[in-house]
Amino acid sequence: MINVIWAGLLITGILYAAINGTMDQVNEAIFTGAEQAVTLCLGLISILVFWLGIMKIAERGGLLALIRKALSPLAAKLYPEVPRDHPALGYMISNMSANMLGLGNAATPLGIKAMEELKKLNGNKDEPSRTMITFLAMNTAGLTLVPTTVIAIRMNYGSVNPGEIIGTTLIATALSACAAIMIDRFFYHLRRRKERRTNG
């Protein structure tokens, strides 16, 4: 579906430019954007490789294990339907840890693996389970302690103090995580109440 949306936007933009005679601006934007994208990616690689290396050291040193252990009670409260020894919970906690360090690129494969395991736990149904919805909400609005990727972008564009956003990011993501939990629980209890009325 996303591919269809992007293709639609692209075709609409090109047709609009052709009708209004601004194809030269579109061509310029394509080449300028491509150049900026490559420059940005090269700038991000160094900082992401650094933090991924730090994460690997933390994993071998046992720090990630401690973080996972510390997050286990929270994960058990957020996802009560997942058994404590299930592989999905391990992937979910690892995903939470990576997101807390602002490593979205490292968190994505862990999130995908977690969703695959949750789908198995849900009997391979196409309809998402409550846990899958909660995990997606938490993954989208997750708490971030160090916004590594954003700091890297700010460094790449010559920010005087690229780390000054840490405090505001922490507050914003903490509030968004709390809002995600409250909204998730609200709709869960609303659904349960409707089911009780239907069955009763």
N, C-alpha and C. Protein backbone atom coordinates (compact mmCIF):
# COMPACT_ATOMS: atom_id res chain seq x y z
N MET A 1 0.83 -1.21 0.00
CA MET A 1 0.00 0.00 0.00
C MET A 1 0.87 1.26 0.00
N ILE A 2 1.95 1.25 0.79
CA ILE A 2 2.84 2.41 0.86
C ILE A 2 3.45 2.70 -0.50
N ASN A 3 3.84 1.62 -1.22
CA ASN A 3 4.42 1.78 -2.56
C ASN A 3 3.43 2.46 -3.51
N VAL A 4 2.16 2.10 -3.40
CA VAL A 4 1.13 2.70 -4.24
C VAL A 4 0.99 4.19 -3.93
N ILE A 5 1.01 4.52 -2.63
CA ILE A 5 0.88 5.93 -2.21
C ILE A 5 2.06 6.75 -2.75
N TRP A 6 3.29 6.21 -2.57
CA TRP A 6 4.48 6.93 -3.04
C TRP A 6 4.45 7.09 -4.57
N ALA A 7 4.06 6.03 -5.27
CA ALA A 7 3.97 6.10 -6.74
C ALA A 7 2.95 7.14 -7.17
N GLY A 8 1.81 7.18 -6.47
CA GLY A 8 0.77 8.16 -6.76
C GLY A 8 1.25 9.59 -6.56
N LEU A 9 1.96 9.82 -5.44
CA LEU A 9 2.51 11.15 -5.16
C LEU A 9 3.52 11.57 -6.23
N LEU A 10 4.38 10.62 -6.61
CA LEU A 10 5.41 10.91 -7.62
C LEU A 10 4.78 11.25 -8.97
N ILE A 11 3.84 10.43 -9.41
CA ILE A 11 3.18 10.66 -10.71
C ILE A 11 2.40 11.97 -10.70
N THR A 12 1.68 12.24 -9.60
CA THR A 12 0.91 13.49 -9.48
C THR A 12 1.83 14.70 -9.55
N GLY A 13 2.98 14.63 -8.85
CA GLY A 13 3.93 15.74 -8.87
C GLY A 13 4.51 16.00 -10.24
N ILE A 14 4.86 14.92 -10.94
CA ILE A 14 5.44 15.06 -12.29
C ILE A 14 4.40 15.61 -13.27
N LEU A 15 3.17 15.11 -13.20
CA LEU A 15 2.10 15.60 -14.07
C LEU A 15 1.80 17.08 -13.80
N TYR A 16 1.76 17.44 -12.53
CA TYR A 16 1.51 18.83 -12.15
C TYR A 16 2.61 19.74 -12.70
N ALA A 17 3.87 19.28 -12.57
CA ALA A 17 5.01 20.06 -13.07
C ALA A 17 4.96 20.18 -14.59
N ALA A 18 4.57 19.10 -15.28
CA ALA A 18 4.49 19.12 -16.74
C ALA A 18 3.41 20.08 -17.23
N ILE A 19 2.27 20.08 -16.54
CA ILE A 19 1.16 20.97 -16.92
C ILE A 19 1.53 22.44 -16.70
N ASN A 20 2.22 22.72 -15.58
CA ASN A 20 2.56 24.11 -15.24
C ASN A 20 3.90 24.56 -15.80
N GLY A 21 4.60 23.68 -16.54
CA GLY A 21 5.85 24.05 -17.16
C GLY A 21 7.01 24.26 -16.19
N THR A 22 7.02 23.48 -15.11
CA THR A 22 8.09 23.62 -14.11
C THR A 22 8.93 22.35 -14.00
N MET A 23 9.06 21.61 -15.09
CA MET A 23 9.84 20.36 -15.08
C MET A 23 11.31 20.62 -14.79
N ASP A 24 11.82 21.82 -15.19
CA ASP A 24 13.22 22.14 -14.92
C ASP A 24 13.48 22.22 -13.41
N GLN A 25 12.49 22.73 -12.66
CA GLN A 25 12.61 22.81 -11.20
C GLN A 25 12.56 21.41 -10.57
N VAL A 26 11.72 20.55 -11.14
CA VAL A 26 11.63 19.17 -10.65
C VAL A 26 12.96 18.45 -10.87
N ASN A 27 13.54 18.60 -12.06
CA ASN A 27 14.84 17.97 -12.35
C ASN A 27 15.93 18.47 -11.41
N GLU A 28 15.92 19.79 -11.17
CA GLU A 28 16.91 20.37 -10.26
C GLU A 28 16.73 19.83 -8.84
N ALA A 29 15.46 19.73 -8.41
CA ALA A 29 15.17 19.22 -7.06
C ALA A 29 15.59 17.76 -6.93
N ILE A 30 15.40 16.96 -7.98
CA ILE A 30 15.77 15.54 -7.95
C ILE A 30 17.28 15.39 -7.74
N PHE A 31 18.06 16.12 -8.55
CA PHE A 31 19.52 15.99 -8.47
C PHE A 31 20.07 16.60 -7.18
N THR A 32 19.51 17.73 -6.76
CA THR A 32 19.95 18.37 -5.51
C THR A 32 19.60 17.48 -4.32
N GLY A 33 18.38 16.96 -4.33
CA GLY A 33 17.94 16.08 -3.23
C GLY A 33 18.76 14.81 -3.15
N ALA A 34 19.08 14.23 -4.32
CA ALA A 34 19.91 13.01 -4.34
C ALA A 34 21.29 13.29 -3.77
N GLU A 35 21.87 14.44 -4.13
CA GLU A 35 23.20 14.79 -3.62
C GLU A 35 23.18 15.00 -2.11
N GLN A 36 22.15 15.71 -1.64
CA GLN A 36 22.02 15.96 -0.20
C GLN A 36 21.79 14.65 0.57
N ALA A 37 21.00 13.74 -0.03
CA ALA A 37 20.71 12.46 0.61
C ALA A 37 21.99 11.63 0.81
N VAL A 38 22.83 11.60 -0.24
CA VAL A 38 24.09 10.86 -0.15
C VAL A 38 25.00 11.47 0.90
N THR A 39 25.11 12.81 0.91
CA THR A 39 25.94 13.52 1.89
C THR A 39 25.46 13.25 3.31
N LEU A 40 24.13 13.31 3.50
CA LEU A 40 23.54 13.07 4.81
C LEU A 40 23.79 11.64 5.27
N CYS A 41 23.61 10.68 4.37
CA CYS A 41 23.82 9.27 4.71
C CYS A 41 25.26 9.00 5.12
N LEU A 42 26.21 9.58 4.38
CA LEU A 42 27.63 9.39 4.72
C LEU A 42 27.94 9.99 6.08
N GLY A 43 27.31 11.14 6.37
CA GLY A 43 27.51 11.76 7.68
C GLY A 43 26.92 10.94 8.80
N LEU A 44 25.79 10.29 8.53
CA LEU A 44 25.11 9.48 9.56
C LEU A 44 25.83 8.17 9.82
N ILE A 45 26.46 7.62 8.78
CA ILE A 45 27.09 6.31 8.92
C ILE A 45 28.11 6.30 10.05
N SER A 46 28.94 7.34 10.11
CA SER A 46 30.02 7.36 11.11
C SER A 46 29.48 7.34 12.53
N ILE A 47 28.48 8.19 12.81
CA ILE A 47 27.94 8.25 14.17
C ILE A 47 27.14 6.99 14.52
N LEU A 48 26.42 6.43 13.52
CA LEU A 48 25.66 5.21 13.78
C LEU A 48 26.58 4.02 14.01
N VAL A 49 27.66 3.96 13.22
CA VAL A 49 28.64 2.88 13.42
C VAL A 49 29.26 2.99 14.81
N PHE A 50 29.55 4.23 15.23
CA PHE A 50 30.12 4.45 16.56
C PHE A 50 29.17 3.94 17.65
N TRP A 51 27.90 4.34 17.58
CA TRP A 51 26.95 3.94 18.62
C TRP A 51 26.61 2.46 18.55
N LEU A 52 26.58 1.90 17.36
CA LEU A 52 26.36 0.45 17.25
C LEU A 52 27.54 -0.31 17.84
N GLY A 53 28.75 0.25 17.66
CA GLY A 53 29.94 -0.34 18.28
C GLY A 53 29.85 -0.27 19.80
N ILE A 54 29.42 0.90 20.31
CA ILE A 54 29.24 1.06 21.76
C ILE A 54 28.20 0.07 22.28
N MET A 55 27.13 -0.12 21.48
CA MET A 55 26.09 -1.06 21.88
C MET A 55 26.62 -2.49 21.92
N LYS A 56 27.50 -2.82 20.96
CA LYS A 56 28.10 -4.16 20.92
C LYS A 56 28.99 -4.37 22.15
N ILE A 57 29.76 -3.34 22.49
CA ILE A 57 30.61 -3.41 23.70
C ILE A 57 29.74 -3.57 24.94
N ALA A 58 28.64 -2.79 24.99
CA ALA A 58 27.71 -2.89 26.12
C ALA A 58 27.10 -4.28 26.22
N GLU A 59 26.83 -4.87 25.05
CA GLU A 59 26.26 -6.23 25.03
C GLU A 59 27.25 -7.24 25.57
N ARG A 60 28.51 -7.15 25.09
CA ARG A 60 29.54 -8.10 25.54
C ARG A 60 29.93 -7.87 26.99
N GLY A 61 29.83 -6.61 27.43
CA GLY A 61 30.16 -6.29 28.82
C GLY A 61 29.04 -6.59 29.80
N GLY A 62 27.88 -6.96 29.27
CA GLY A 62 26.75 -7.33 30.13
C GLY A 62 25.80 -6.19 30.46
N LEU A 63 26.08 -4.97 29.93
CA LEU A 63 25.23 -3.83 30.23
C LEU A 63 23.83 -4.00 29.64
N LEU A 64 23.76 -4.50 28.38
CA LEU A 64 22.45 -4.71 27.76
C LEU A 64 21.64 -5.77 28.49
N ALA A 65 22.34 -6.75 29.01
CA ALA A 65 21.65 -7.80 29.79
C ALA A 65 21.02 -7.18 31.04
N LEU A 66 21.76 -6.25 31.67
CA LEU A 66 21.23 -5.55 32.85
C LEU A 66 20.04 -4.68 32.47
N ILE A 67 20.14 -4.00 31.30
CA ILE A 67 19.02 -3.16 30.84
C ILE A 67 17.80 -4.02 30.57
N ARG A 68 18.03 -5.17 29.91
CA ARG A 68 16.92 -6.08 29.62
C ARG A 68 16.28 -6.59 30.91
N LYS A 69 17.14 -6.90 31.89
CA LYS A 69 16.64 -7.38 33.18
C LYS A 69 15.83 -6.31 33.87
N ALA A 70 16.33 -5.05 33.78
CA ALA A 70 15.62 -3.94 34.42
C ALA A 70 14.29 -3.65 33.73
N LEU A 71 14.26 -3.86 32.40
CA LEU A 71 13.04 -3.59 31.63
C LEU A 71 12.05 -4.75 31.65
N SER A 72 12.49 -5.92 32.08
CA SER A 72 11.61 -7.10 32.08
C SER A 72 10.32 -6.90 32.87
N PRO A 73 10.37 -6.34 34.12
CA PRO A 73 9.10 -6.13 34.85
C PRO A 73 8.17 -5.17 34.12
N LEU A 74 8.73 -4.11 33.50
CA LEU A 74 7.92 -3.16 32.74
C LEU A 74 7.31 -3.84 31.53
N ALA A 75 8.11 -4.65 30.82
CA ALA A 75 7.63 -5.36 29.64
C ALA A 75 6.52 -6.35 30.02
N ALA A 76 6.68 -6.99 31.17
CA ALA A 76 5.67 -7.94 31.63
C ALA A 76 4.34 -7.23 31.93
N LYS A 77 4.42 -5.99 32.43
CA LYS A 77 3.21 -5.21 32.72
C LYS A 77 2.56 -4.72 31.42
N LEU A 78 3.41 -4.28 30.48
CA LEU A 78 2.89 -3.76 29.21
C LEU A 78 2.31 -4.86 28.33
N TYR A 79 2.95 -6.03 28.37
CA TYR A 79 2.56 -7.14 27.49
C TYR A 79 2.26 -8.38 28.32
N PRO A 80 1.17 -8.36 29.10
CA PRO A 80 0.88 -9.49 30.01
C PRO A 80 0.54 -10.80 29.29
N GLU A 81 0.12 -10.71 28.00
CA GLU A 81 -0.26 -11.93 27.27
C GLU A 81 0.95 -12.72 26.78
N VAL A 82 2.13 -12.12 26.79
CA VAL A 82 3.33 -12.81 26.30
C VAL A 82 4.01 -13.56 27.44
N PRO A 83 4.21 -14.87 27.31
CA PRO A 83 4.91 -15.63 28.36
C PRO A 83 6.32 -15.09 28.61
N ARG A 84 6.77 -15.12 29.87
CA ARG A 84 8.05 -14.52 30.25
C ARG A 84 9.24 -15.15 29.52
N ASP A 85 9.12 -16.45 29.14
CA ASP A 85 10.23 -17.13 28.49
C ASP A 85 10.10 -17.17 26.96
N HIS A 86 9.12 -16.44 26.42
CA HIS A 86 8.89 -16.46 24.96
C HIS A 86 9.93 -15.59 24.25
N PRO A 87 10.42 -16.04 23.06
CA PRO A 87 11.43 -15.24 22.32
C PRO A 87 10.95 -13.83 21.97
N ALA A 88 9.65 -13.68 21.78
CA ALA A 88 9.10 -12.36 21.41
C ALA A 88 9.44 -11.31 22.45
N LEU A 89 9.36 -11.69 23.73
CA LEU A 89 9.62 -10.73 24.81
C LEU A 89 11.07 -10.26 24.77
N GLY A 90 12.00 -11.18 24.47
CA GLY A 90 13.41 -10.82 24.37
C GLY A 90 13.65 -9.82 23.25
N TYR A 91 13.03 -10.07 22.09
CA TYR A 91 13.17 -9.14 20.96
C TYR A 91 12.54 -7.78 21.29
N MET A 92 11.40 -7.81 21.98
CA MET A 92 10.72 -6.56 22.33
C MET A 92 11.54 -5.72 23.29
N ILE A 93 12.15 -6.38 24.27
CA ILE A 93 12.99 -5.65 25.23
C ILE A 93 14.23 -5.10 24.55
N SER A 94 14.84 -5.89 23.66
CA SER A 94 16.01 -5.42 22.90
C SER A 94 15.64 -4.23 22.03
N ASN A 95 14.44 -4.28 21.42
CA ASN A 95 13.95 -3.17 20.61
C ASN A 95 13.77 -1.92 21.47
N MET A 96 13.20 -2.09 22.65
CA MET A 96 13.02 -0.96 23.57
C MET A 96 14.37 -0.35 23.95
N SER A 97 15.35 -1.21 24.22
CA SER A 97 16.69 -0.75 24.60
C SER A 97 17.33 0.07 23.48
N ALA A 98 17.23 -0.44 22.24
CA ALA A 98 17.81 0.26 21.09
C ALA A 98 17.12 1.60 20.86
N ASN A 99 15.80 1.62 21.02
CA ASN A 99 15.06 2.87 20.85
C ASN A 99 15.41 3.89 21.94
N MET A 100 15.64 3.41 23.15
CA MET A 100 16.02 4.31 24.24
C MET A 100 17.36 4.99 23.96
N LEU A 101 18.23 4.30 23.20
CA LEU A 101 19.52 4.87 22.83
C LEU A 101 19.45 5.62 21.50
N GLY A 102 18.25 5.75 20.95
CA GLY A 102 18.07 6.50 19.72
C GLY A 102 18.57 5.79 18.48
N LEU A 103 18.75 4.47 18.57
CA LEU A 103 19.27 3.70 17.43
C LEU A 103 18.12 3.06 16.67
N GLY A 104 17.36 3.92 15.98
CA GLY A 104 16.19 3.43 15.25
C GLY A 104 16.53 2.37 14.21
N ASN A 105 17.67 2.56 13.51
CA ASN A 105 18.07 1.60 12.48
C ASN A 105 18.40 0.24 13.08
N ALA A 106 18.99 0.24 14.28
CA ALA A 106 19.31 -1.03 14.95
C ALA A 106 18.05 -1.64 15.56
N ALA A 107 17.10 -0.79 15.94
CA ALA A 107 15.87 -1.27 16.58
C ALA A 107 14.91 -1.91 15.57
N THR A 108 14.96 -1.47 14.32
CA THR A 108 14.00 -1.95 13.31
C THR A 108 14.02 -3.47 13.10
N PRO A 109 15.21 -4.09 12.87
CA PRO A 109 15.21 -5.56 12.69
C PRO A 109 14.69 -6.30 13.93
N LEU A 110 15.00 -5.75 15.12
CA LEU A 110 14.53 -6.38 16.36
C LEU A 110 13.01 -6.27 16.45
N GLY A 111 12.47 -5.12 16.03
CA GLY A 111 11.02 -4.93 16.04
C GLY A 111 10.32 -5.87 15.07
N ILE A 112 10.93 -6.06 13.90
CA ILE A 112 10.35 -6.98 12.89
C ILE A 112 10.34 -8.41 13.43
N LYS A 113 11.46 -8.81 14.05
CA LYS A 113 11.53 -10.17 14.63
C LYS A 113 10.50 -10.34 15.74
N ALA A 114 10.33 -9.29 16.55
CA ALA A 114 9.34 -9.34 17.63
C ALA A 114 7.93 -9.51 17.06
N MET A 115 7.63 -8.78 15.99
CA MET A 115 6.31 -8.88 15.36
C MET A 115 6.09 -10.27 14.76
N GLU A 116 7.13 -10.84 14.17
CA GLU A 116 7.02 -12.20 13.62
C GLU A 116 6.69 -13.21 14.72
N GLU A 117 7.38 -13.07 15.85
CA GLU A 117 7.12 -13.99 16.97
C GLU A 117 5.73 -13.76 17.57
N LEU A 118 5.31 -12.49 17.62
CA LEU A 118 3.98 -12.18 18.15
C LEU A 118 2.88 -12.71 17.24
N LYS A 119 3.16 -12.71 15.93
CA LYS A 119 2.18 -13.26 14.99
C LYS A 119 2.03 -14.77 15.18
N LYS A 120 3.16 -15.43 15.42
CA LYS A 120 3.11 -16.88 15.72
C LYS A 120 2.30 -17.12 16.99
N LEU A 121 2.54 -16.27 18.00
CA LEU A 121 1.83 -16.39 19.27
C LEU A 121 0.33 -16.14 19.09
N ASN A 122 0.00 -15.36 18.07
CA ASN A 122 -1.39 -15.02 17.77
C ASN A 122 -2.04 -16.02 16.81
N GLY A 123 -1.37 -17.15 16.59
CA GLY A 123 -1.91 -18.18 15.71
C GLY A 123 -1.82 -17.82 14.24
N ASN A 124 -0.84 -16.97 13.87
CA ASN A 124 -0.62 -16.52 12.49
C ASN A 124 -1.86 -15.88 11.86
N LYS A 125 -2.68 -15.24 12.70
CA LYS A 125 -3.85 -14.54 12.18
C LYS A 125 -3.43 -13.23 11.52
N ASP A 126 -4.24 -12.78 10.57
CA ASP A 126 -3.97 -11.49 9.91
C ASP A 126 -4.35 -10.31 10.81
N GLU A 127 -5.33 -10.54 11.67
CA GLU A 127 -5.75 -9.47 12.60
C GLU A 127 -4.73 -9.36 13.73
N PRO A 128 -4.24 -8.13 14.02
CA PRO A 128 -3.23 -7.99 15.07
C PRO A 128 -3.80 -8.24 16.46
N SER A 129 -2.98 -8.79 17.32
CA SER A 129 -3.38 -9.03 18.71
C SER A 129 -3.24 -7.74 19.51
N ARG A 130 -3.76 -7.75 20.72
CA ARG A 130 -3.64 -6.58 21.60
C ARG A 130 -2.17 -6.25 21.85
N THR A 131 -1.36 -7.29 22.04
CA THR A 131 0.06 -7.09 22.31
C THR A 131 0.76 -6.44 21.12
N MET A 132 0.41 -6.86 19.91
CA MET A 132 1.02 -6.28 18.71
C MET A 132 0.69 -4.80 18.59
N ILE A 133 -0.55 -4.44 18.90
CA ILE A 133 -0.98 -3.04 18.83
C ILE A 133 -0.23 -2.22 19.88
N THR A 134 -0.14 -2.75 21.10
CA THR A 134 0.57 -2.05 22.18
C THR A 134 2.03 -1.87 21.84
N PHE A 135 2.65 -2.92 21.30
CA PHE A 135 4.06 -2.86 20.94
C PHE A 135 4.30 -1.82 19.84
N LEU A 136 3.41 -1.78 18.85
CA LEU A 136 3.54 -0.80 17.77
C LEU A 136 3.41 0.63 18.31
N ALA A 137 2.46 0.82 19.23
CA ALA A 137 2.27 2.15 19.83
C ALA A 137 3.50 2.57 20.63
N MET A 138 4.05 1.63 21.41
CA MET A 138 5.23 1.92 22.22
C MET A 138 6.47 2.12 21.36
N ASN A 139 6.55 1.39 20.26
CA ASN A 139 7.68 1.51 19.36
C ASN A 139 7.67 2.87 18.65
N THR A 140 6.46 3.33 18.32
CA THR A 140 6.32 4.62 17.64
C THR A 140 6.58 5.79 18.58
N ALA A 141 6.09 5.68 19.80
CA ALA A 141 6.20 6.79 20.76
C ALA A 141 7.14 6.45 21.91
N GLY A 142 8.15 5.63 21.62
CA GLY A 142 9.02 5.11 22.68
C GLY A 142 9.91 6.15 23.34
N LEU A 143 10.23 5.88 24.58
CA LEU A 143 11.12 6.73 25.36
C LEU A 143 12.52 6.72 24.76
N THR A 144 13.10 7.91 24.57
CA THR A 144 14.46 8.04 24.02
C THR A 144 15.33 8.79 25.00
N LEU A 145 16.37 8.13 25.49
CA LEU A 145 17.30 8.77 26.42
C LEU A 145 18.35 9.59 25.67
N VAL A 146 18.88 9.02 24.58
CA VAL A 146 19.90 9.71 23.77
C VAL A 146 19.45 9.65 22.30
N PRO A 147 18.98 10.78 21.73
CA PRO A 147 18.54 10.78 20.33
C PRO A 147 19.73 10.77 19.37
N THR A 148 20.37 9.62 19.26
CA THR A 148 21.63 9.50 18.52
C THR A 148 21.52 9.96 17.08
N THR A 149 20.50 9.49 16.36
CA THR A 149 20.36 9.82 14.95
C THR A 149 20.16 11.32 14.74
N VAL A 150 19.32 11.93 15.57
CA VAL A 150 19.05 13.37 15.44
C VAL A 150 20.31 14.17 15.77
N ILE A 151 21.05 13.73 16.77
CA ILE A 151 22.31 14.41 17.11
C ILE A 151 23.27 14.33 15.93
N ALA A 152 23.31 13.16 15.27
CA ALA A 152 24.18 12.97 14.11
C ALA A 152 23.79 13.92 12.97
N ILE A 153 22.48 14.07 12.74
CA ILE A 153 22.00 14.98 11.69
C ILE A 153 22.39 16.41 12.03
N ARG A 154 22.21 16.80 13.30
CA ARG A 154 22.57 18.16 13.72
C ARG A 154 24.07 18.40 13.57
N MET A 155 24.87 17.41 13.90
CA MET A 155 26.32 17.53 13.73
C MET A 155 26.66 17.68 12.25
N ASN A 156 25.97 16.91 11.42
CA ASN A 156 26.23 16.93 9.98
C ASN A 156 25.92 18.29 9.36
N TYR A 157 24.95 19.01 9.94
CA TYR A 157 24.57 20.32 9.42
C TYR A 157 25.19 21.47 10.22
N GLY A 158 26.23 21.14 11.00
CA GLY A 158 27.04 22.18 11.65
C GLY A 158 26.42 22.83 12.87
N SER A 159 25.61 22.09 13.62
CA SER A 159 25.02 22.65 14.84
C SER A 159 26.11 22.97 15.87
N VAL A 160 25.99 24.12 16.54
CA VAL A 160 26.98 24.53 17.55
C VAL A 160 26.93 23.59 18.75
N ASN A 161 25.71 23.19 19.14
CA ASN A 161 25.54 22.30 20.29
C ASN A 161 24.54 21.21 19.91
N PRO A 162 24.99 20.18 19.21
CA PRO A 162 24.05 19.15 18.72
C PRO A 162 23.38 18.34 19.82
N GLY A 163 23.97 18.30 21.00
CA GLY A 163 23.39 17.50 22.09
C GLY A 163 22.40 18.24 22.96
N GLU A 164 22.10 19.52 22.63
CA GLU A 164 21.21 20.31 23.49
C GLU A 164 19.77 19.83 23.46
N ILE A 165 19.44 18.97 22.49
CA ILE A 165 18.06 18.48 22.38
C ILE A 165 17.78 17.27 23.27
N ILE A 166 18.81 16.78 23.96
CA ILE A 166 18.62 15.56 24.77
C ILE A 166 17.51 15.74 25.81
N GLY A 167 17.55 16.85 26.55
CA GLY A 167 16.55 17.09 27.60
C GLY A 167 15.15 17.19 27.06
N THR A 168 14.97 17.99 26.01
CA THR A 168 13.62 18.16 25.44
C THR A 168 13.13 16.88 24.79
N THR A 169 14.05 16.13 24.17
CA THR A 169 13.66 14.85 23.56
C THR A 169 13.21 13.86 24.63
N LEU A 170 13.92 13.84 25.74
CA LEU A 170 13.56 12.94 26.85
C LEU A 170 12.17 13.27 27.37
N ILE A 171 11.90 14.57 27.58
CA ILE A 171 10.58 14.98 28.08
C ILE A 171 9.49 14.64 27.06
N ALA A 172 9.74 15.00 25.78
CA ALA A 172 8.74 14.78 24.73
C ALA A 172 8.43 13.29 24.56
N THR A 173 9.46 12.46 24.51
CA THR A 173 9.24 11.01 24.31
C THR A 173 8.63 10.35 25.54
N ALA A 174 8.98 10.86 26.73
CA ALA A 174 8.36 10.33 27.96
C ALA A 174 6.87 10.62 27.96
N LEU A 175 6.50 11.85 27.58
CA LEU A 175 5.08 12.22 27.51
C LEU A 175 4.35 11.42 26.43
N SER A 176 5.01 11.25 25.27
CA SER A 176 4.36 10.49 24.18
C SER A 176 4.19 9.03 24.55
N ALA A 177 5.18 8.47 25.29
CA ALA A 177 5.07 7.07 25.73
C ALA A 177 3.92 6.91 26.73
N CYS A 178 3.82 7.86 27.67
CA CYS A 178 2.72 7.82 28.64
C CYS A 178 1.37 7.95 27.94
N ALA A 179 1.29 8.86 26.96
CA ALA A 179 0.04 9.04 26.20
C ALA A 179 -0.31 7.77 25.43
N ALA A 180 0.70 7.13 24.83
CA ALA A 180 0.47 5.90 24.07
C ALA A 180 -0.08 4.80 24.98
N ILE A 181 0.49 4.67 26.18
CA ILE A 181 0.03 3.65 27.12
C ILE A 181 -1.40 3.92 27.55
N MET A 182 -1.71 5.19 27.89
CA MET A 182 -3.05 5.53 28.36
C MET A 182 -4.10 5.33 27.26
N ILE A 183 -3.78 5.75 26.03
CA ILE A 183 -4.72 5.58 24.92
C ILE A 183 -4.93 4.10 24.61
N ASP A 184 -3.82 3.34 24.64
CA ASP A 184 -3.90 1.89 24.38
C ASP A 184 -4.79 1.21 25.43
N ARG A 185 -4.57 1.54 26.69
CA ARG A 185 -5.36 0.93 27.76
C ARG A 185 -6.83 1.37 27.70
N PHE A 186 -7.05 2.62 27.34
CA PHE A 186 -8.43 3.14 27.24
C PHE A 186 -9.22 2.34 26.20
N PHE A 187 -8.64 2.20 24.99
CA PHE A 187 -9.34 1.48 23.94
C PHE A 187 -9.45 -0.01 24.23
N TYR A 188 -8.46 -0.56 24.95
CA TYR A 188 -8.53 -1.97 25.33
C TYR A 188 -9.71 -2.21 26.28
N HIS A 189 -9.82 -1.36 27.31
CA HIS A 189 -10.92 -1.53 28.27
C HIS A 189 -12.27 -1.21 27.62
N LEU A 190 -12.29 -0.27 26.68
CA LEU A 190 -13.52 0.05 25.96
C LEU A 190 -13.98 -1.15 25.14
N ARG A 191 -13.01 -1.81 24.49
CA ARG A 191 -13.34 -2.99 23.69
C ARG A 191 -13.83 -4.13 24.58
N ARG A 192 -13.16 -4.31 25.73
CA ARG A 192 -13.58 -5.37 26.67
C ARG A 192 -15.00 -5.12 27.17
N ARG A 193 -15.32 -3.85 27.43
CA ARG A 193 -16.64 -3.51 27.93
C ARG A 193 -17.72 -3.82 26.87
N LYS A 194 -17.40 -3.50 25.59
CA LYS A 194 -18.33 -3.80 24.51
C LYS A 194 -18.53 -5.30 24.34
N GLU A 195 -17.43 -6.05 24.48
CA GLU A 195 -17.52 -7.51 24.37
C GLU A 195 -18.37 -8.09 25.48
N ARG A 196 -18.23 -7.54 26.71
CA ARG A 196 -19.05 -8.03 27.83
C ARG A 196 -20.53 -7.76 27.59
N ARG A 197 -20.81 -6.55 27.06
CA ARG A 197 -22.22 -6.20 26.78
C ARG A 197 -22.80 -7.12 25.70
N THR A 198 -21.98 -7.40 24.68
CA THR A 198 -22.42 -8.27 23.58
C THR A 198 -22.68 -9.69 24.07
N ASN A 199 -21.74 -10.20 24.90
CA ASN A 199 -21.85 -11.57 25.41
C ASN A 199 -22.87 -11.69 26.53
N GLY A 200 -23.05 -10.58 27.28
CA GLY A 200 -23.96 -10.63 28.41
C GLY A 200 -25.39 -10.34 28.01
